[in-house]
Amino acid sequence: MIYTVTFEITGCYEDSNGDYTYKKSLQEVDFEAKSLNKLFELLDKQETIDSVDDSGAIDASKFDDLFETIIEYVLIVDSKGKEVYRDKSYNVKE
């Protein structure tokens, strides 16, 4: 089955005063898995997370201040369009 996974990507920037600012973006990626449990196993692998394009959360003008990039899956929809997972902190309605 094909699942569409929405990732929330957050670029965290630290300025010279030690203050943090954030830039967020969303990215949808399709994955094929035999079941939702198999998809979660795939999403738990570091190489899967590393393959997500984080450029939408990278501010080139602040690249030297980039402290960390956080990539989290926040929504999963199956091939029939049914929402099968939503992170409790993700409150964007489709």
PDB file of N, CA and C in Angstrom:
ATOM      1  N   MET A   1       0.847  -1.172   0.000  1.00  0.00           N
ATOM      2  CA  MET A   1       0.000   0.000   0.000  1.00  0.00           C
ATOM      3  C   MET A   1       0.894   1.237   0.000  1.00  0.00           C
ATOM      4  N   ILE A   2       0.416   2.271  -0.655  1.00  0.00           N
ATOM      5  CA  ILE A   2       1.131   3.545  -0.684  1.00  0.00           C
ATOM      6  C   ILE A   2       0.578   4.433   0.428  1.00  0.00           C
ATOM      7  N   TYR A   3       1.474   5.024   1.182  1.00  0.00           N
ATOM      8  CA  TYR A   3       1.121   5.964   2.236  1.00  0.00           C
ATOM      9  C   TYR A   3       1.779   7.308   1.921  1.00  0.00           C
ATOM     10  N   THR A   4       1.034   8.368   2.128  1.00  0.00           N
ATOM     11  CA  THR A   4       1.592   9.712   1.991  1.00  0.00           C
ATOM     12  C   THR A   4       1.881  10.230   3.391  1.00  0.00           C
ATOM     13  N   VAL A   5       3.143  10.529   3.633  1.00  0.00           N
ATOM     14  CA  VAL A   5       3.591  10.985   4.945  1.00  0.00           C
ATOM     15  C   VAL A   5       3.919  12.468   4.849  1.00  0.00           C
ATOM     16  N   THR A   6       3.333  13.251   5.742  1.00  0.00           N
ATOM     17  CA  THR A   6       3.653  14.670   5.834  1.00  0.00           C
ATOM     18  C   THR A   6       4.680  14.854   6.940  1.00  0.00           C
ATOM     19  N   PHE A   7       5.802  15.435   6.569  1.00  0.00           N
ATOM     20  CA  PHE A   7       6.865  15.735   7.522  1.00  0.00           C
ATOM     21  C   PHE A   7       6.822  17.225   7.846  1.00  0.00           C
ATOM     22  N   GLU A   8       7.014  17.542   9.116  1.00  0.00           N
ATOM     23  CA  GLU A   8       7.209  18.925   9.540  1.00  0.00           C
ATOM     24  C   GLU A   8       8.702  19.082   9.782  1.00  0.00           C
ATOM     25  N   ILE A   9       9.294  20.016   9.062  1.00  0.00           N
ATOM     26  CA  ILE A   9      10.729  20.242   9.153  1.00  0.00           C
ATOM     27  C   ILE A   9      10.950  21.606   9.800  1.00  0.00           C
ATOM     28  N   THR A  10      11.750  21.633  10.838  1.00  0.00           N
ATOM     29  CA  THR A  10      12.008  22.872  11.573  1.00  0.00           C
ATOM     30  C   THR A  10      13.502  23.157  11.580  1.00  0.00           C
ATOM     31  N   GLY A  11      13.848  24.325  11.064  1.00  0.00           N
ATOM     32  CA  GLY A  11      15.224  24.802  11.161  1.00  0.00           C
ATOM     33  C   GLY A  11      15.330  25.686  12.394  1.00  0.00           C
ATOM     34  N   CYS A  12      16.250  25.371  13.278  1.00  0.00           N
ATOM     35  CA  CYS A  12      16.441  26.132  14.520  1.00  0.00           C
ATOM     36  C   CYS A  12      17.732  26.944  14.385  1.00  0.00           C
ATOM     37  N   TYR A  13      17.608  28.234  14.629  1.00  0.00           N
ATOM     38  CA  TYR A  13      18.735  29.142  14.474  1.00  0.00           C
ATOM     39  C   TYR A  13      19.044  29.821  15.798  1.00  0.00           C
ATOM     40  N   GLU A  14      20.336  29.922  16.098  1.00  0.00           N
ATOM     41  CA  GLU A  14      20.775  30.587  17.326  1.00  0.00           C
ATOM     42  C   GLU A  14      21.563  31.832  16.944  1.00  0.00           C
ATOM     43  N   ASP A  15      21.117  32.980  17.460  1.00  0.00           N
ATOM     44  CA  ASP A  15      21.844  34.215  17.150  1.00  0.00           C
ATOM     45  C   ASP A  15      22.967  34.444  18.161  1.00  0.00           C
ATOM     46  N   SER A  16      23.681  35.534  17.999  1.00  0.00           N
ATOM     47  CA  SER A  16      24.844  35.815  18.855  1.00  0.00           C
ATOM     48  C   SER A  16      24.469  36.057  20.308  1.00  0.00           C
ATOM     49  N   ASN A  17      23.189  36.339  20.581  1.00  0.00           N
ATOM     50  CA  ASN A  17      22.718  36.532  21.961  1.00  0.00           C
ATOM     51  C   ASN A  17      22.247  35.230  22.606  1.00  0.00           C
ATOM     52  N   GLY A  18      22.307  34.152  21.851  1.00  0.00           N
ATOM     53  CA  GLY A  18      21.828  32.876  22.378  1.00  0.00           C
ATOM     54  C   GLY A  18      20.327  32.689  22.239  1.00  0.00           C
ATOM     55  N   ASP A  19      19.658  33.590  21.510  1.00  0.00           N
ATOM     56  CA  ASP A  19      18.219  33.466  21.275  1.00  0.00           C
ATOM     57  C   ASP A  19      17.975  32.577  20.058  1.00  0.00           C
ATOM     58  N   TYR A  20      16.857  31.866  20.080  1.00  0.00           N
ATOM     59  CA  TYR A  20      16.522  30.955  18.996  1.00  0.00           C
ATOM     60  C   TYR A  20      15.370  31.494  18.164  1.00  0.00           C
ATOM     61  N   THR A  21      15.448  31.265  16.856  1.00  0.00           N
ATOM     62  CA  THR A  21      14.344  31.510  15.946  1.00  0.00           C
ATOM     63  C   THR A  21      14.133  30.231  15.144  1.00  0.00           C
ATOM     64  N   TYR A  22      12.946  30.087  14.594  1.00  0.00           N
ATOM     65  CA  TYR A  22      12.598  28.842  13.914  1.00  0.00           C
ATOM     66  C   TYR A  22      11.977  29.133  12.559  1.00  0.00           C
ATOM     67  N   LYS A  23      12.263  28.286  11.603  1.00  0.00           N
ATOM     68  CA  LYS A  23      11.610  28.327  10.292  1.00  0.00           C
ATOM     69  C   LYS A  23      11.071  26.933  10.036  1.00  0.00           C
ATOM     70  N   LYS A  24       9.757  26.848   9.772  1.00  0.00           N
ATOM     71  CA  LYS A  24       9.125  25.550   9.570  1.00  0.00           C
ATOM     72  C   LYS A  24       8.647  25.400   8.136  1.00  0.00           C
ATOM     73  N   SER A  25       8.618  24.154   7.681  1.00  0.00           N
ATOM     74  CA  SER A  25       8.039  23.832   6.385  1.00  0.00           C
ATOM     75  C   SER A  25       7.449  22.433   6.465  1.00  0.00           C
ATOM     76  N   LEU A  26       6.580  22.130   5.520  1.00  0.00           N
ATOM     77  CA  LEU A  26       5.972  20.803   5.417  1.00  0.00           C
ATOM     78  C   LEU A  26       6.397  20.174   4.107  1.00  0.00           C
ATOM     79  N   GLN A  27       6.563  18.865   4.133  1.00  0.00           N
ATOM     80  CA  GLN A  27       6.880  18.138   2.916  1.00  0.00           C
ATOM     81  C   GLN A  27       6.129  16.815   2.924  1.00  0.00           C
ATOM     82  N   GLU A  28       5.488  16.489   1.802  1.00  0.00           N
ATOM     83  CA  GLU A  28       4.799  15.206   1.656  1.00  0.00           C
ATOM     84  C   GLU A  28       5.674  14.257   0.849  1.00  0.00           C
ATOM     85  N   VAL A  29       5.783  13.012   1.336  1.00  0.00           N
ATOM     86  CA  VAL A  29       6.571  11.990   0.665  1.00  0.00           C
ATOM     87  C   VAL A  29       5.750  10.704   0.645  1.00  0.00           C
ATOM     88  N   ASP A  30       5.732  10.033  -0.505  1.00  0.00           N
ATOM     89  CA  ASP A  30       5.035   8.752  -0.618  1.00  0.00           C
ATOM     90  C   ASP A  30       5.975   7.602  -0.294  1.00  0.00           C
ATOM     91  N   PHE A  31       5.454   6.647   0.473  1.00  0.00           N
ATOM     92  CA  PHE A  31       6.198   5.437   0.831  1.00  0.00           C
ATOM     93  C   PHE A  31       5.322   4.228   0.534  1.00  0.00           C
ATOM     94  N   GLU A  32       5.963   3.149   0.167  1.00  0.00           N
ATOM     95  CA  GLU A  32       5.246   1.892  -0.008  1.00  0.00           C
ATOM     96  C   GLU A  32       5.591   0.975   1.161  1.00  0.00           C
ATOM     97  N   ALA A  33       4.547   0.413   1.783  1.00  0.00           N
ATOM     98  CA  ALA A  33       4.750  -0.502   2.911  1.00  0.00           C
ATOM     99  C   ALA A  33       3.580  -1.488   2.938  1.00  0.00           C
ATOM    100  N   LYS A  34       3.835  -2.685   3.448  1.00  0.00           N
ATOM    101  CA  LYS A  34       2.794  -3.713   3.512  1.00  0.00           C
ATOM    102  C   LYS A  34       1.728  -3.401   4.550  1.00  0.00           C
ATOM    103  N   SER A  35       2.102  -2.629   5.570  1.00  0.00           N
ATOM    104  CA  SER A  35       1.154  -2.285   6.630  1.00  0.00           C
ATOM    105  C   SER A  35       1.608  -0.993   7.294  1.00  0.00           C
ATOM    106  N   LEU A  36       0.729  -0.442   8.109  1.00  0.00           N
ATOM    107  CA  LEU A  36       1.092   0.773   8.846  1.00  0.00           C
ATOM    108  C   LEU A  36       2.238   0.499   9.806  1.00  0.00           C
ATOM    109  N   ASN A  37       2.232  -0.671  10.439  1.00  0.00           N
ATOM    110  CA  ASN A  37       3.341  -1.019  11.347  1.00  0.00           C
ATOM    111  C   ASN A  37       4.670  -1.081  10.604  1.00  0.00           C
ATOM    112  N   LYS A  38       4.663  -1.630   9.385  1.00  0.00           N
ATOM    113  CA  LYS A  38       5.894  -1.689   8.581  1.00  0.00           C
ATOM    114  C   LYS A  38       6.334  -0.282   8.185  1.00  0.00           C
ATOM    115  N   LEU A  39       5.371   0.591   7.923  1.00  0.00           N
ATOM    116  CA  LEU A  39       5.716   1.970   7.610  1.00  0.00           C
ATOM    117  C   LEU A  39       6.384   2.641   8.803  1.00  0.00           C
ATOM    118  N   PHE A  40       5.836   2.438   9.999  1.00  0.00           N
ATOM    119  CA  PHE A  40       6.457   3.021  11.194  1.00  0.00           C
ATOM    120  C   PHE A  40       7.885   2.504  11.374  1.00  0.00           C
ATOM    121  N   GLU A  41       8.109   1.225  11.092  1.00  0.00           N
ATOM    122  CA  GLU A  41       9.471   0.667  11.174  1.00  0.00           C
ATOM    123  C   GLU A  41      10.398   1.391  10.199  1.00  0.00           C
ATOM    124  N   LEU A  42       9.889   1.654   8.992  1.00  0.00           N
ATOM    125  CA  LEU A  42      10.677   2.364   7.988  1.00  0.00           C
ATOM    126  C   LEU A  42      10.967   3.791   8.434  1.00  0.00           C
ATOM    127  N   LEU A  43       9.948   4.455   8.991  1.00  0.00           N
ATOM    128  CA  LEU A  43      10.110   5.844   9.427  1.00  0.00           C
ATOM    129  C   LEU A  43      11.029   5.973  10.636  1.00  0.00           C
ATOM    130  N   ASP A  44      11.211   4.897  11.382  1.00  0.00           N
ATOM    131  CA  ASP A  44      12.105   4.918  12.541  1.00  0.00           C
ATOM    132  C   ASP A  44      13.576   4.780  12.163  1.00  0.00           C
ATOM    133  N   LYS A  45      13.844   4.491  10.892  1.00  0.00           N
ATOM    134  CA  LYS A  45      15.225   4.337  10.445  1.00  0.00           C
ATOM    135  C   LYS A  45      15.824   5.700  10.128  1.00  0.00           C
ATOM    136  N   GLN A  46      17.014   5.925  10.611  1.00  0.00           N
ATOM    137  CA  GLN A  46      17.678   7.220  10.411  1.00  0.00           C
ATOM    138  C   GLN A  46      17.870   7.536   8.933  1.00  0.00           C
ATOM    139  N   GLU A  47      18.163   6.524   8.121  1.00  0.00           N
ATOM    140  CA  GLU A  47      18.390   6.797   6.699  1.00  0.00           C
ATOM    141  C   GLU A  47      17.113   7.282   6.003  1.00  0.00           C
ATOM    142  N   THR A  48      15.949   6.877   6.513  1.00  0.00           N
ATOM    143  CA  THR A  48      14.687   7.383   5.954  1.00  0.00           C
ATOM    144  C   THR A  48      14.538   8.863   6.275  1.00  0.00           C
ATOM    145  N   ILE A  49      14.774   9.224   7.514  1.00  0.00           N
ATOM    146  CA  ILE A  49      14.682  10.633   7.912  1.00  0.00           C
ATOM    147  C   ILE A  49      15.732  11.459   7.181  1.00  0.00           C
ATOM    148  N   ASP A  50      16.919  10.915   7.022  1.00  0.00           N
ATOM    149  CA  ASP A  50      17.987  11.630   6.322  1.00  0.00           C
ATOM    150  C   ASP A  50      17.651  11.880   4.854  1.00  0.00           C
ATOM    151  N   SER A  51      16.763  11.069   4.276  1.00  0.00           N
ATOM    152  CA  SER A  51      16.414  11.219   2.864  1.00  0.00           C
ATOM    153  C   SER A  51      15.384  12.324   2.619  1.00  0.00           C
ATOM    154  N   VAL A  52      14.785  12.859   3.685  1.00  0.00           N
ATOM    155  CA  VAL A  52      13.788  13.919   3.554  1.00  0.00           C
ATOM    156  C   VAL A  52      14.493  15.234   3.235  1.00  0.00           C
ATOM    157  N   ASP A  53      13.992  15.924   2.221  1.00  0.00           N
ATOM    158  CA  ASP A  53      14.577  17.199   1.803  1.00  0.00           C
ATOM    159  C   ASP A  53      14.235  18.271   2.833  1.00  0.00           C
ATOM    160  N   ASP A  54      15.241  18.767   3.531  1.00  0.00           N
ATOM    161  CA  ASP A  54      15.015  19.767   4.579  1.00  0.00           C
ATOM    162  C   ASP A  54      15.263  21.196   4.105  1.00  0.00           C
ATOM    163  N   SER A  55      15.459  21.385   2.815  1.00  0.00           N
ATOM    164  CA  SER A  55      15.832  22.711   2.311  1.00  0.00           C
ATOM    165  C   SER A  55      14.744  23.763   2.528  1.00  0.00           C
ATOM    166  N   GLY A  56      13.471  23.347   2.651  1.00  0.00           N
ATOM    167  CA  GLY A  56      12.401  24.310   2.882  1.00  0.00           C
ATOM    168  C   GLY A  56      12.489  24.990   4.237  1.00  0.00           C
ATOM    169  N   ALA A  57      13.212  24.391   5.161  1.00  0.00           N
ATOM    170  CA  ALA A  57      13.351  24.971   6.505  1.00  0.00           C
ATOM    171  C   ALA A  57      14.718  25.604   6.713  1.00  0.00           C
ATOM    172  N   ILE A  58      15.496  25.666   5.654  1.00  0.00           N
ATOM    173  CA  ILE A  58      16.836  26.247   5.745  1.00  0.00           C
ATOM    174  C   ILE A  58      16.797  27.661   5.168  1.00  0.00           C
ATOM    175  N   ASP A  59      17.160  28.612   5.978  1.00  0.00           N
ATOM    176  CA  ASP A  59      17.254  30.007   5.558  1.00  0.00           C
ATOM    177  C   ASP A  59      18.710  30.259   5.183  1.00  0.00           C
ATOM    178  N   ALA A  60      18.970  30.386   3.891  1.00  0.00           N
ATOM    179  CA  ALA A  60      20.354  30.514   3.417  1.00  0.00           C
ATOM    180  C   ALA A  60      21.056  31.726   4.016  1.00  0.00           C
ATOM    181  N   SER A  61      20.296  32.787   4.294  1.00  0.00           N
ATOM    182  CA  SER A  61      20.924  33.981   4.850  1.00  0.00           C
ATOM    183  C   SER A  61      21.339  33.796   6.305  1.00  0.00           C
ATOM    184  N   LYS A  62      20.818  32.767   6.956  1.00  0.00           N
ATOM    185  CA  LYS A  62      21.156  32.500   8.359  1.00  0.00           C
ATOM    186  C   LYS A  62      21.861  31.149   8.525  1.00  0.00           C
ATOM    187  N   PHE A  63      22.364  30.603   7.419  1.00  0.00           N
ATOM    188  CA  PHE A  63      22.913  29.250   7.472  1.00  0.00           C
ATOM    189  C   PHE A  63      23.994  29.092   8.532  1.00  0.00           C
ATOM    190  N   ASP A  64      24.822  30.096   8.716  1.00  0.00           N
ATOM    191  CA  ASP A  64      25.896  30.004   9.712  1.00  0.00           C
ATOM    192  C   ASP A  64      25.348  29.930  11.134  1.00  0.00           C
ATOM    193  N   ASP A  65      24.102  30.372  11.340  1.00  0.00           N
ATOM    194  CA  ASP A  65      23.481  30.343  12.663  1.00  0.00           C
ATOM    195  C   ASP A  65      22.632  29.095  12.879  1.00  0.00           C
ATOM    196  N   LEU A  66      22.586  28.203  11.872  1.00  0.00           N
ATOM    197  CA  LEU A  66      21.759  26.998  11.986  1.00  0.00           C
ATOM    198  C   LEU A  66      22.272  26.127  13.133  1.00  0.00           C
ATOM    199  N   PHE A  67      21.405  25.909  14.113  1.00  0.00           N
ATOM    200  CA  PHE A  67      21.752  25.121  15.291  1.00  0.00           C
ATOM    201  C   PHE A  67      21.389  23.659  15.079  1.00  0.00           C
ATOM    202  N   GLU A  68      20.175  23.425  14.553  1.00  0.00           N
ATOM    203  CA  GLU A  68      19.746  22.051  14.313  1.00  0.00           C
ATOM    204  C   GLU A  68      18.558  22.054  13.375  1.00  0.00           C
ATOM    205  N   THR A  69      18.354  20.928  12.719  1.00  0.00           N
ATOM    206  CA  THR A  69      17.182  20.707  11.881  1.00  0.00           C
ATOM    207  C   THR A  69      16.424  19.528  12.458  1.00  0.00           C
ATOM    208  N   ILE A  70      15.134  19.720  12.694  1.00  0.00           N
ATOM    209  CA  ILE A  70      14.286  18.670  13.264  1.00  0.00           C
ATOM    210  C   ILE A  70      13.301  18.217  12.198  1.00  0.00           C
ATOM    211  N   ILE A  71      13.239  16.912  11.973  1.00  0.00           N
ATOM    212  CA  ILE A  71      12.317  16.345  10.986  1.00  0.00           C
ATOM    213  C   ILE A  71      11.430  15.346  11.706  1.00  0.00           C
ATOM    214  N   GLU A  72      10.115  15.599  11.663  1.00  0.00           N
ATOM    215  CA  GLU A  72       9.148  14.730  12.341  1.00  0.00           C
ATOM    216  C   GLU A  72       8.002  14.410  11.391  1.00  0.00           C
ATOM    217  N   TYR A  73       7.551  13.155  11.415  1.00  0.00           N
ATOM    218  CA  TYR A  73       6.344  12.860  10.641  1.00  0.00           C
ATOM    219  C   TYR A  73       5.142  13.229  11.503  1.00  0.00           C
ATOM    220  N   VAL A  74       4.201  13.963  10.887  1.00  0.00           N
ATOM    221  CA  VAL A  74       3.080  14.493  11.650  1.00  0.00           C
ATOM    222  C   VAL A  74       1.730  14.007  11.145  1.00  0.00           C
ATOM    223  N   LEU A  75       1.683  13.473   9.918  1.00  0.00           N
ATOM    224  CA  LEU A  75       0.420  13.029   9.338  1.00  0.00           C
ATOM    225  C   LEU A  75       0.700  11.917   8.347  1.00  0.00           C
ATOM    226  N   ILE A  76      -0.141  10.875   8.391  1.00  0.00           N
ATOM    227  CA  ILE A  76      -0.033   9.781   7.423  1.00  0.00           C
ATOM    228  C   ILE A  76      -1.424   9.511   6.869  1.00  0.00           C
ATOM    229  N   VAL A  77      -1.493   9.448   5.537  1.00  0.00           N
ATOM    230  CA  VAL A  77      -2.746   9.167   4.838  1.00  0.00           C
ATOM    231  C   VAL A  77      -2.502   7.957   3.954  1.00  0.00           C
ATOM    232  N   ASP A  78      -3.460   6.992   3.969  1.00  0.00           N
ATOM    233  CA  ASP A  78      -3.281   5.806   3.128  1.00  0.00           C
ATOM    234  C   ASP A  78      -3.708   6.105   1.684  1.00  0.00           C
ATOM    235  N   SER A  79      -3.546   5.113   0.805  1.00  0.00           N
ATOM    236  CA  SER A  79      -3.815   5.314  -0.620  1.00  0.00           C
ATOM    237  C   SER A  79      -5.288   5.556  -0.921  1.00  0.00           C
ATOM    238  N   LYS A  80      -6.164   5.296   0.034  1.00  0.00           N
ATOM    239  CA  LYS A  80      -7.594   5.555  -0.140  1.00  0.00           C
ATOM    240  C   LYS A  80      -7.976   6.947   0.373  1.00  0.00           C
ATOM    241  N   GLY A  81      -6.985   7.695   0.866  1.00  0.00           N
ATOM    242  CA  GLY A  81      -7.235   9.039   1.363  1.00  0.00           C
ATOM    243  C   GLY A  81      -7.658   9.095   2.827  1.00  0.00           C
ATOM    244  N   LYS A  82      -7.575   7.957   3.514  1.00  0.00           N
ATOM    245  CA  LYS A  82      -7.965   7.908   4.930  1.00  0.00           C
ATOM    246  C   LYS A  82      -6.778   8.295   5.807  1.00  0.00           C
ATOM    247  N   GLU A  83      -7.030   9.210   6.727  1.00  0.00           N
ATOM    248  CA  GLU A  83      -6.002   9.586   7.692  1.00  0.00           C
ATOM    249  C   GLU A  83      -5.824   8.434   8.670  1.00  0.00           C
ATOM    250  N   VAL A  84      -4.613   7.893   8.742  1.00  0.00           N
ATOM    251  CA  VAL A  84      -4.348   6.745   9.613  1.00  0.00           C
ATOM    252  C   VAL A  84      -3.438   7.099  10.787  1.00  0.00           C
ATOM    253  N   TYR A  85      -2.858   8.288  10.748  1.00  0.00           N
ATOM    254  CA  TYR A  85      -2.028   8.747  11.864  1.00  0.00           C
ATOM    255  C   TYR A  85      -1.981  10.266  11.832  1.00  0.00           C
ATOM    256  N   ARG A  86      -2.094  10.865  12.993  1.00  0.00           N
ATOM    257  CA  ARG A  86      -1.882  12.310  13.158  1.00  0.00           C
ATOM    258  C   ARG A  86      -1.209  12.517  14.501  1.00  0.00           C
ATOM    259  N   ASP A  87      -0.057  13.195  14.479  1.00  0.00           N
ATOM    260  CA  ASP A  87       0.623  13.544  15.712  1.00  0.00           C
ATOM    261  C   ASP A  87      -0.290  14.477  16.507  1.00  0.00           C
ATOM    262  N   LYS A  88      -0.376  14.245  17.797  1.00  0.00           N
ATOM    263  CA  LYS A  88      -1.294  15.037  18.626  1.00  0.00           C
ATOM    264  C   LYS A  88      -0.956  16.528  18.644  1.00  0.00           C
ATOM    265  N   SER A  89       0.289  16.877  18.329  1.00  0.00           N
ATOM    266  CA  SER A  89       0.672  18.288  18.311  1.00  0.00           C
ATOM    267  C   SER A  89       0.412  18.947  16.956  1.00  0.00           C
ATOM    268  N   TYR A  90       0.054  18.150  15.961  1.00  0.00           N
ATOM    269  CA  TYR A  90      -0.168  18.684  14.603  1.00  0.00           C
ATOM    270  C   TYR A  90      -1.645  19.023  14.463  1.00  0.00           C
ATOM    271  N   ASN A  91      -1.945  20.311  14.372  1.00  0.00           N
ATOM    272  CA  ASN A  91      -3.346  20.711  14.366  1.00  0.00           C
ATOM    273  C   ASN A  91      -3.783  21.386  13.077  1.00  0.00           C
ATOM    274  N   VAL A  92      -3.027  21.229  11.999  1.00  0.00           N
ATOM    275  CA  VAL A  92      -3.427  21.782  10.719  1.00  0.00           C
ATOM    276  C   VAL A  92      -4.494  20.879  10.116  1.00  0.00           C
ATOM    277  N   LYS A  93      -5.599  21.467   9.728  1.00  0.00           N
ATOM    278  CA  LYS A  93      -6.685  20.696   9.092  1.00  0.00           C
ATOM    279  C   LYS A  93      -6.488  20.726   7.587  1.00  0.00           C
ATOM    280  N   GLU A  94      -6.705  19.604   6.979  1.00  0.00           N
ATOM    281  CA  GLU A  94      -6.578  19.517   5.510  1.00  0.00           C
ATOM    282  C   GLU A  94      -7.831  20.054   4.857  1.00  0.00           C
TER     283      GLU A  94
END
